[in-house]
Structures are given as structure tokens and as C-alpha cells.
Amino acid sequence: MVDYQERFDIIIKKLKDNGHKITPQRIGVIKIMAGSEGHPSVEKVYEQLQNEFPTMSLATVYRTVLLIKSLGEALELGFPDGSNRYDANKPYPHPHVICVKCGKIIDPDISSLQDMQQEIADETGFKILTHRLDFFGICSDCPS
């Protein structure tokens, strides 16, 4: 797990360095995004902030999440059903294991990923800029 406070501080600094206001609502969104291991959707972030910011709109959360993403501090995982989940702990490409029943997402540590990326680059002649590697299955919490 990435250090929550470090990720929070990095995102806040990036916002400041790029001339963006640090509002209480943005701080709330960043706290959830930086501290979440579950790759939340914008709707989940919004739900978690309702007690603290009952008048905040879903649009405000969307704008903040997309701003964090545009600054390179959140990774967006899009799915065929149109839903998106976000990872602000590891805002760089990395593998995910996704449960097709409950939607849980886990980040496995795969030491051979760099070797695989290099092997693909060597075989294809491509300069690899980014990648997405997802594994789909049924987690141990769900009945198979």
C-alpha cells in the first residue's frame, strides 16, 4: 500500500503548482482518493462525502476527480459497461485483478511486468508508452 499522507501531499502540491484552488470539497475528495485501496467510482466518492458536504453536487466530485486525473495523479479504469473506477494510490499503469461478481479490484505485485513490457517492445518494435493489464475472475469472498 502506498503511504496515504505522501499521496495526499503530492496531489495537493500538484494542484497548487498548477494554480488550482484548494477548497474543502477538493480536500475531501483527495482524502478519499488518496486513502482508498478499492479503486472507487466517482459515485462512491460522492456517497462517502455526503455527511461532510451535504450540499456538494456529484458534478463537483466529477470535476475534481477528472482534474486529479488530468494532472497525472489518478489512473482511470474504464469498463465496457461505461463505469469508471479511479486509483490515486498508484497513478501509473499497473496490473489489476477484478472480480466479475462483486467488482472488487486488487493490485497484485508482479515483478516480471517490466520484463514483459520490454519483451513486447523488442518483439514489436514499439516504444511502449503505457499499458493496461487486467485479469478477471471471482474473488475468494464471492461464491463461485
N, C-alpha and C. Protein backbone atom coordinates (compact mmCIF):
# COMPACT_ATOMS: atom_id res chain seq x y z
N MET A 1 0.85 -1.19 0.00
CA MET A 1 0.00 0.00 0.00
C MET A 1 0.89 1.24 0.00
N VAL A 2 0.53 2.17 -0.81
CA VAL A 2 1.25 3.43 -0.90
C VAL A 2 0.89 4.27 0.33
N ASP A 3 1.83 5.07 0.83
CA ASP A 3 1.60 5.89 2.00
C ASP A 3 0.54 6.95 1.72
N TYR A 4 -0.55 6.93 2.49
CA TYR A 4 -1.67 7.84 2.30
C TYR A 4 -1.23 9.30 2.37
N GLN A 5 -0.52 9.66 3.42
CA GLN A 5 -0.14 11.07 3.60
C GLN A 5 0.75 11.56 2.47
N GLU A 6 1.64 10.71 2.01
CA GLU A 6 2.52 11.08 0.90
C GLU A 6 1.70 11.34 -0.36
N ARG A 7 0.76 10.45 -0.68
CA ARG A 7 -0.09 10.64 -1.87
C ARG A 7 -0.93 11.89 -1.73
N PHE A 8 -1.51 12.13 -0.54
CA PHE A 8 -2.32 13.32 -0.29
C PHE A 8 -1.49 14.57 -0.54
N ASP A 9 -0.30 14.61 0.04
CA ASP A 9 0.58 15.78 -0.10
C ASP A 9 0.99 16.02 -1.56
N ILE A 10 1.28 14.95 -2.29
CA ILE A 10 1.67 15.07 -3.69
C ILE A 10 0.54 15.66 -4.52
N ILE A 11 -0.68 15.18 -4.30
CA ILE A 11 -1.83 15.67 -5.07
C ILE A 11 -2.10 17.13 -4.75
N ILE A 12 -2.07 17.50 -3.47
CA ILE A 12 -2.29 18.89 -3.07
C ILE A 12 -1.23 19.80 -3.69
N LYS A 13 0.02 19.37 -3.63
CA LYS A 13 1.11 20.17 -4.21
C LYS A 13 0.92 20.34 -5.71
N LYS A 14 0.54 19.28 -6.40
CA LYS A 14 0.33 19.35 -7.85
C LYS A 14 -0.79 20.33 -8.18
N LEU A 15 -1.86 20.33 -7.39
CA LEU A 15 -2.94 21.29 -7.60
C LEU A 15 -2.43 22.71 -7.43
N LYS A 16 -1.73 22.96 -6.32
CA LYS A 16 -1.20 24.30 -6.05
C LYS A 16 -0.24 24.75 -7.14
N ASP A 17 0.69 23.85 -7.52
CA ASP A 17 1.68 24.18 -8.54
C ASP A 17 1.05 24.53 -9.88
N ASN A 18 -0.15 24.02 -10.12
CA ASN A 18 -0.84 24.29 -11.38
C ASN A 18 -1.92 25.35 -11.24
N GLY A 19 -1.89 26.09 -10.13
CA GLY A 19 -2.78 27.23 -9.95
C GLY A 19 -4.21 26.92 -9.60
N HIS A 20 -4.47 25.74 -9.08
CA HIS A 20 -5.84 25.36 -8.71
C HIS A 20 -6.10 25.66 -7.23
N LYS A 21 -7.32 26.08 -6.93
CA LYS A 21 -7.71 26.37 -5.55
C LYS A 21 -7.81 25.08 -4.75
N ILE A 22 -7.47 25.20 -3.48
CA ILE A 22 -7.59 24.08 -2.57
C ILE A 22 -8.82 24.34 -1.70
N THR A 23 -9.96 23.83 -2.12
CA THR A 23 -11.21 24.04 -1.39
C THR A 23 -11.45 22.89 -0.41
N PRO A 24 -12.29 23.09 0.58
CA PRO A 24 -12.61 21.98 1.49
C PRO A 24 -13.18 20.77 0.75
N GLN A 25 -13.99 21.01 -0.29
CA GLN A 25 -14.56 19.91 -1.05
C GLN A 25 -13.47 19.13 -1.79
N ARG A 26 -12.52 19.84 -2.38
CA ARG A 26 -11.42 19.17 -3.06
C ARG A 26 -10.58 18.37 -2.08
N ILE A 27 -10.34 18.94 -0.91
CA ILE A 27 -9.59 18.21 0.12
C ILE A 27 -10.32 16.93 0.48
N GLY A 28 -11.64 17.00 0.62
CA GLY A 28 -12.43 15.80 0.94
C GLY A 28 -12.29 14.73 -0.12
N VAL A 29 -12.40 15.12 -1.38
CA VAL A 29 -12.25 14.16 -2.49
C VAL A 29 -10.85 13.56 -2.48
N ILE A 30 -9.85 14.39 -2.30
CA ILE A 30 -8.47 13.92 -2.31
C ILE A 30 -8.20 12.96 -1.15
N LYS A 31 -8.76 13.26 0.01
CA LYS A 31 -8.59 12.35 1.16
C LYS A 31 -9.10 10.96 0.83
N ILE A 32 -10.28 10.90 0.22
CA ILE A 32 -10.85 9.60 -0.12
C ILE A 32 -10.03 8.92 -1.21
N MET A 33 -9.69 9.67 -2.24
CA MET A 33 -8.94 9.09 -3.35
C MET A 33 -7.55 8.61 -2.91
N ALA A 34 -6.87 9.40 -2.12
CA ALA A 34 -5.51 9.05 -1.68
C ALA A 34 -5.52 7.89 -0.70
N GLY A 35 -6.60 7.74 0.04
CA GLY A 35 -6.66 6.71 1.08
C GLY A 35 -7.38 5.45 0.67
N SER A 36 -7.91 5.40 -0.54
CA SER A 36 -8.71 4.26 -0.95
C SER A 36 -7.88 3.17 -1.60
N GLU A 37 -8.12 1.95 -1.16
CA GLU A 37 -7.49 0.80 -1.79
C GLU A 37 -8.45 0.15 -2.79
N GLY A 38 -9.70 0.60 -2.79
CA GLY A 38 -10.72 -0.09 -3.56
C GLY A 38 -11.02 0.46 -4.93
N HIS A 39 -10.24 1.42 -5.43
CA HIS A 39 -10.48 1.97 -6.76
C HIS A 39 -11.92 2.47 -6.87
N PRO A 40 -12.27 3.51 -6.14
CA PRO A 40 -13.67 3.94 -6.10
C PRO A 40 -14.13 4.60 -7.40
N SER A 41 -15.43 4.52 -7.62
CA SER A 41 -16.06 5.28 -8.70
C SER A 41 -16.32 6.69 -8.18
N VAL A 42 -16.63 7.61 -9.07
CA VAL A 42 -16.97 8.97 -8.64
C VAL A 42 -18.20 8.93 -7.74
N GLU A 43 -19.15 8.07 -8.07
CA GLU A 43 -20.37 7.96 -7.26
C GLU A 43 -20.06 7.49 -5.83
N LYS A 44 -19.12 6.56 -5.69
CA LYS A 44 -18.73 6.08 -4.34
C LYS A 44 -18.05 7.20 -3.56
N VAL A 45 -17.20 7.98 -4.21
CA VAL A 45 -16.56 9.11 -3.53
C VAL A 45 -17.63 10.10 -3.08
N TYR A 46 -18.56 10.38 -3.96
CA TYR A 46 -19.67 11.30 -3.65
C TYR A 46 -20.46 10.80 -2.43
N GLU A 47 -20.81 9.51 -2.42
CA GLU A 47 -21.56 8.93 -1.29
C GLU A 47 -20.80 9.11 0.02
N GLN A 48 -19.49 8.88 -0.02
CA GLN A 48 -18.68 8.98 1.20
C GLN A 48 -18.57 10.41 1.71
N LEU A 49 -18.82 11.40 0.86
CA LEU A 49 -18.69 12.80 1.26
C LEU A 49 -20.01 13.45 1.65
N GLN A 50 -21.12 12.73 1.50
CA GLN A 50 -22.42 13.32 1.74
C GLN A 50 -22.64 13.82 3.16
N ASN A 51 -22.13 13.12 4.16
CA ASN A 51 -22.29 13.58 5.54
C ASN A 51 -21.51 14.86 5.81
N GLU A 52 -20.30 14.94 5.27
CA GLU A 52 -19.45 16.10 5.50
C GLU A 52 -19.85 17.31 4.65
N PHE A 53 -20.31 17.04 3.41
CA PHE A 53 -20.67 18.10 2.46
C PHE A 53 -22.04 17.80 1.84
N PRO A 54 -23.12 17.95 2.62
CA PRO A 54 -24.43 17.55 2.11
C PRO A 54 -24.93 18.35 0.91
N THR A 55 -24.40 19.54 0.69
CA THR A 55 -24.86 20.35 -0.45
C THR A 55 -23.95 20.22 -1.67
N MET A 56 -22.88 19.45 -1.55
CA MET A 56 -21.97 19.28 -2.68
C MET A 56 -22.63 18.43 -3.75
N SER A 57 -22.44 18.82 -5.01
CA SER A 57 -23.05 18.09 -6.11
C SER A 57 -22.12 16.98 -6.61
N LEU A 58 -22.76 16.02 -7.29
CA LEU A 58 -21.99 14.96 -7.93
C LEU A 58 -21.07 15.55 -8.99
N ALA A 59 -21.52 16.61 -9.66
CA ALA A 59 -20.70 17.26 -10.69
C ALA A 59 -19.40 17.81 -10.11
N THR A 60 -19.45 18.33 -8.89
CA THR A 60 -18.23 18.84 -8.24
C THR A 60 -17.23 17.71 -8.03
N VAL A 61 -17.73 16.55 -7.61
CA VAL A 61 -16.85 15.40 -7.40
C VAL A 61 -16.26 14.97 -8.75
N TYR A 62 -17.10 14.88 -9.78
CA TYR A 62 -16.61 14.52 -11.12
C TYR A 62 -15.51 15.46 -11.56
N ARG A 63 -15.75 16.75 -11.44
CA ARG A 63 -14.74 17.73 -11.89
C ARG A 63 -13.43 17.57 -11.12
N THR A 64 -13.53 17.34 -9.83
CA THR A 64 -12.32 17.19 -9.01
C THR A 64 -11.56 15.93 -9.38
N VAL A 65 -12.27 14.82 -9.54
CA VAL A 65 -11.61 13.56 -9.92
C VAL A 65 -10.96 13.70 -11.29
N LEU A 66 -11.67 14.30 -12.24
CA LEU A 66 -11.09 14.48 -13.57
C LEU A 66 -9.90 15.44 -13.56
N LEU A 67 -9.93 16.43 -12.68
CA LEU A 67 -8.79 17.33 -12.53
C LEU A 67 -7.58 16.57 -12.00
N ILE A 68 -7.79 15.76 -10.97
CA ILE A 68 -6.70 14.95 -10.40
C ILE A 68 -6.14 14.03 -11.48
N LYS A 69 -7.03 13.42 -12.24
CA LYS A 69 -6.60 12.54 -13.35
C LYS A 69 -5.80 13.33 -14.39
N SER A 70 -6.28 14.51 -14.75
CA SER A 70 -5.61 15.30 -15.79
C SER A 70 -4.20 15.73 -15.36
N LEU A 71 -3.98 15.81 -14.06
CA LEU A 71 -2.65 16.16 -13.54
C LEU A 71 -1.74 14.94 -13.40
N GLY A 72 -2.25 13.78 -13.81
CA GLY A 72 -1.46 12.55 -13.75
C GLY A 72 -1.41 11.93 -12.37
N GLU A 73 -2.35 12.28 -11.51
CA GLU A 73 -2.33 11.79 -10.14
C GLU A 73 -3.43 10.78 -9.83
N ALA A 74 -4.16 10.34 -10.84
CA ALA A 74 -5.14 9.27 -10.69
C ALA A 74 -5.19 8.49 -12.00
N LEU A 75 -5.27 7.19 -11.89
CA LEU A 75 -5.39 6.31 -13.03
C LEU A 75 -6.86 5.96 -13.20
N GLU A 76 -7.38 6.12 -14.41
CA GLU A 76 -8.78 5.80 -14.69
C GLU A 76 -8.87 4.41 -15.28
N LEU A 77 -9.76 3.60 -14.71
CA LEU A 77 -10.01 2.26 -15.24
C LEU A 77 -11.42 2.27 -15.82
N GLY A 78 -11.52 2.26 -17.14
CA GLY A 78 -12.82 2.23 -17.80
C GLY A 78 -13.24 0.80 -18.06
N PHE A 79 -14.55 0.55 -17.99
CA PHE A 79 -15.08 -0.78 -18.21
C PHE A 79 -16.14 -0.76 -19.30
N PRO A 80 -16.36 -1.88 -19.98
CA PRO A 80 -17.30 -1.91 -21.10
C PRO A 80 -18.72 -1.46 -20.75
N ASP A 81 -19.12 -1.59 -19.51
CA ASP A 81 -20.48 -1.17 -19.13
C ASP A 81 -20.58 0.34 -18.94
N GLY A 82 -19.49 1.06 -19.20
CA GLY A 82 -19.50 2.51 -19.10
C GLY A 82 -19.08 3.05 -17.75
N SER A 83 -18.86 2.16 -16.79
CA SER A 83 -18.44 2.62 -15.46
C SER A 83 -16.93 2.88 -15.45
N ASN A 84 -16.53 3.81 -14.62
CA ASN A 84 -15.11 4.10 -14.45
C ASN A 84 -14.77 4.02 -12.97
N ARG A 85 -13.60 3.51 -12.67
CA ARG A 85 -13.08 3.49 -11.31
C ARG A 85 -11.73 4.18 -11.37
N TYR A 86 -11.28 4.68 -10.20
CA TYR A 86 -10.07 5.50 -10.16
C TYR A 86 -9.12 5.02 -9.09
N ASP A 87 -7.83 5.13 -9.40
CA ASP A 87 -6.77 4.74 -8.48
C ASP A 87 -5.83 5.92 -8.31
N ALA A 88 -5.88 6.55 -7.14
CA ALA A 88 -4.97 7.66 -6.86
C ALA A 88 -3.81 7.20 -5.99
N ASN A 89 -3.80 5.94 -5.58
CA ASN A 89 -2.67 5.40 -4.83
C ASN A 89 -1.51 5.11 -5.76
N LYS A 90 -1.82 4.50 -6.89
CA LYS A 90 -0.82 4.16 -7.90
C LYS A 90 -1.29 4.76 -9.22
N PRO A 91 -0.96 6.02 -9.50
CA PRO A 91 -1.48 6.69 -10.69
C PRO A 91 -0.70 6.36 -11.97
N TYR A 92 -0.06 5.25 -11.99
CA TYR A 92 0.72 4.81 -13.13
C TYR A 92 0.20 3.43 -13.55
N PRO A 93 0.44 3.02 -14.79
CA PRO A 93 -0.06 1.72 -15.23
C PRO A 93 0.48 0.58 -14.39
N HIS A 94 -0.43 -0.29 -13.96
CA HIS A 94 -0.08 -1.48 -13.20
C HIS A 94 -1.21 -2.48 -13.35
N PRO A 95 -0.95 -3.76 -13.08
CA PRO A 95 -1.98 -4.77 -13.28
C PRO A 95 -3.07 -4.72 -12.22
N HIS A 96 -4.25 -5.19 -12.61
CA HIS A 96 -5.39 -5.28 -11.70
C HIS A 96 -6.03 -6.65 -11.83
N VAL A 97 -6.55 -7.16 -10.73
CA VAL A 97 -7.35 -8.38 -10.72
C VAL A 97 -8.74 -7.93 -10.29
N ILE A 98 -9.74 -8.22 -11.14
CA ILE A 98 -11.08 -7.68 -10.97
C ILE A 98 -12.08 -8.82 -10.82
N CYS A 99 -12.88 -8.76 -9.76
CA CYS A 99 -13.92 -9.77 -9.53
C CYS A 99 -15.13 -9.43 -10.40
N VAL A 100 -15.56 -10.40 -11.20
CA VAL A 100 -16.69 -10.17 -12.10
C VAL A 100 -18.03 -10.23 -11.37
N LYS A 101 -18.02 -10.68 -10.11
CA LYS A 101 -19.28 -10.74 -9.36
C LYS A 101 -19.50 -9.50 -8.51
N CYS A 102 -18.51 -9.14 -7.69
CA CYS A 102 -18.72 -8.02 -6.75
C CYS A 102 -18.01 -6.74 -7.18
N GLY A 103 -17.11 -6.82 -8.17
CA GLY A 103 -16.42 -5.63 -8.65
C GLY A 103 -15.17 -5.26 -7.88
N LYS A 104 -14.78 -6.08 -6.91
CA LYS A 104 -13.55 -5.79 -6.15
C LYS A 104 -12.37 -5.73 -7.09
N ILE A 105 -11.45 -4.79 -6.84
CA ILE A 105 -10.25 -4.65 -7.65
C ILE A 105 -9.04 -4.71 -6.71
N ILE A 106 -8.09 -5.55 -7.06
CA ILE A 106 -6.86 -5.72 -6.27
C ILE A 106 -5.67 -5.46 -7.18
N ASP A 107 -4.64 -4.83 -6.63
CA ASP A 107 -3.40 -4.56 -7.35
C ASP A 107 -2.35 -5.61 -6.95
N PRO A 108 -2.12 -6.62 -7.81
CA PRO A 108 -1.08 -7.59 -7.46
C PRO A 108 0.30 -7.00 -7.77
N ASP A 109 1.29 -7.40 -7.00
CA ASP A 109 2.67 -7.01 -7.28
C ASP A 109 3.27 -8.08 -8.18
N ILE A 110 3.60 -7.70 -9.39
CA ILE A 110 4.16 -8.63 -10.36
C ILE A 110 5.55 -8.14 -10.74
N SER A 111 6.56 -8.85 -10.28
CA SER A 111 7.93 -8.41 -10.53
C SER A 111 8.34 -8.55 -11.98
N SER A 112 7.67 -9.40 -12.74
CA SER A 112 8.07 -9.64 -14.13
C SER A 112 7.42 -8.68 -15.12
N LEU A 113 6.64 -7.71 -14.65
CA LEU A 113 5.92 -6.81 -15.55
C LEU A 113 6.89 -5.99 -16.42
N GLN A 114 7.95 -5.48 -15.85
CA GLN A 114 8.93 -4.70 -16.63
C GLN A 114 9.57 -5.57 -17.71
N ASP A 115 9.88 -6.83 -17.35
CA ASP A 115 10.46 -7.75 -18.34
C ASP A 115 9.48 -8.00 -19.47
N MET A 116 8.20 -8.17 -19.14
CA MET A 116 7.19 -8.41 -20.16
C MET A 116 7.04 -7.19 -21.07
N GLN A 117 7.04 -6.01 -20.49
CA GLN A 117 6.94 -4.78 -21.28
C GLN A 117 8.12 -4.66 -22.24
N GLN A 118 9.31 -4.97 -21.78
CA GLN A 118 10.50 -4.91 -22.63
C GLN A 118 10.44 -5.96 -23.72
N GLU A 119 9.98 -7.16 -23.37
CA GLU A 119 9.86 -8.24 -24.36
C GLU A 119 8.88 -7.85 -25.47
N ILE A 120 7.77 -7.24 -25.10
CA ILE A 120 6.77 -6.80 -26.09
C ILE A 120 7.37 -5.71 -26.98
N ALA A 121 8.08 -4.77 -26.38
CA ALA A 121 8.72 -3.70 -27.16
C ALA A 121 9.74 -4.29 -28.14
N ASP A 122 10.55 -5.22 -27.66
CA ASP A 122 11.56 -5.84 -28.52
C ASP A 122 10.92 -6.61 -29.67
N GLU A 123 9.86 -7.35 -29.39
CA GLU A 123 9.22 -8.17 -30.42
C GLU A 123 8.48 -7.34 -31.47
N THR A 124 7.88 -6.24 -31.04
CA THR A 124 7.04 -5.46 -31.95
C THR A 124 7.73 -4.24 -32.55
N GLY A 125 8.82 -3.81 -31.92
CA GLY A 125 9.48 -2.59 -32.36
C GLY A 125 8.79 -1.33 -31.87
N PHE A 126 7.78 -1.49 -31.04
CA PHE A 126 7.05 -0.34 -30.49
C PHE A 126 7.82 0.27 -29.33
N LYS A 127 7.70 1.57 -29.18
CA LYS A 127 8.12 2.24 -27.95
C LYS A 127 6.85 2.26 -27.09
N ILE A 128 6.84 1.47 -26.03
CA ILE A 128 5.66 1.33 -25.19
C ILE A 128 5.52 2.59 -24.33
N LEU A 129 4.39 3.28 -24.47
CA LEU A 129 4.13 4.50 -23.70
C LEU A 129 3.33 4.22 -22.44
N THR A 130 2.41 3.30 -22.53
CA THR A 130 1.58 2.94 -21.38
C THR A 130 0.99 1.57 -21.66
N HIS A 131 0.35 1.00 -20.66
CA HIS A 131 -0.29 -0.30 -20.84
C HIS A 131 -1.42 -0.45 -19.83
N ARG A 132 -2.24 -1.45 -20.08
CA ARG A 132 -3.29 -1.82 -19.13
C ARG A 132 -3.36 -3.33 -19.13
N LEU A 133 -3.21 -3.91 -17.96
CA LEU A 133 -3.22 -5.36 -17.82
C LEU A 133 -4.23 -5.71 -16.73
N ASP A 134 -5.35 -6.29 -17.14
CA ASP A 134 -6.42 -6.66 -16.22
C ASP A 134 -6.66 -8.16 -16.29
N PHE A 135 -6.87 -8.75 -15.13
CA PHE A 135 -7.25 -10.15 -15.03
C PHE A 135 -8.65 -10.17 -14.41
N PHE A 136 -9.55 -10.95 -14.98
CA PHE A 136 -10.92 -11.03 -14.48
C PHE A 136 -11.16 -12.42 -13.92
N GLY A 137 -11.83 -12.46 -12.76
CA GLY A 137 -12.13 -13.73 -12.14
C GLY A 137 -13.15 -13.53 -11.02
N ILE A 138 -13.20 -14.49 -10.14
CA ILE A 138 -14.11 -14.45 -8.99
C ILE A 138 -13.27 -14.46 -7.73
N CYS A 139 -13.47 -13.44 -6.88
CA CYS A 139 -12.64 -13.32 -5.68
C CYS A 139 -13.05 -14.36 -4.63
N SER A 140 -12.22 -14.52 -3.64
CA SER A 140 -12.46 -15.52 -2.60
C SER A 140 -13.63 -15.20 -1.70
N ASP A 141 -14.12 -13.95 -1.73
CA ASP A 141 -15.29 -13.57 -0.93
C ASP A 141 -16.60 -13.92 -1.61
N CYS A 142 -16.57 -14.17 -2.91
CA CYS A 142 -17.79 -14.45 -3.67
C CYS A 142 -17.93 -15.96 -3.92
N PRO A 143 -19.15 -16.46 -3.84
CA PRO A 143 -19.33 -17.89 -4.17
C PRO A 143 -19.14 -18.11 -5.66
N SER A 144 -18.40 -19.15 -5.98
CA SER A 144 -18.18 -19.43 -7.41
C SER A 144 -19.24 -20.35 -7.87
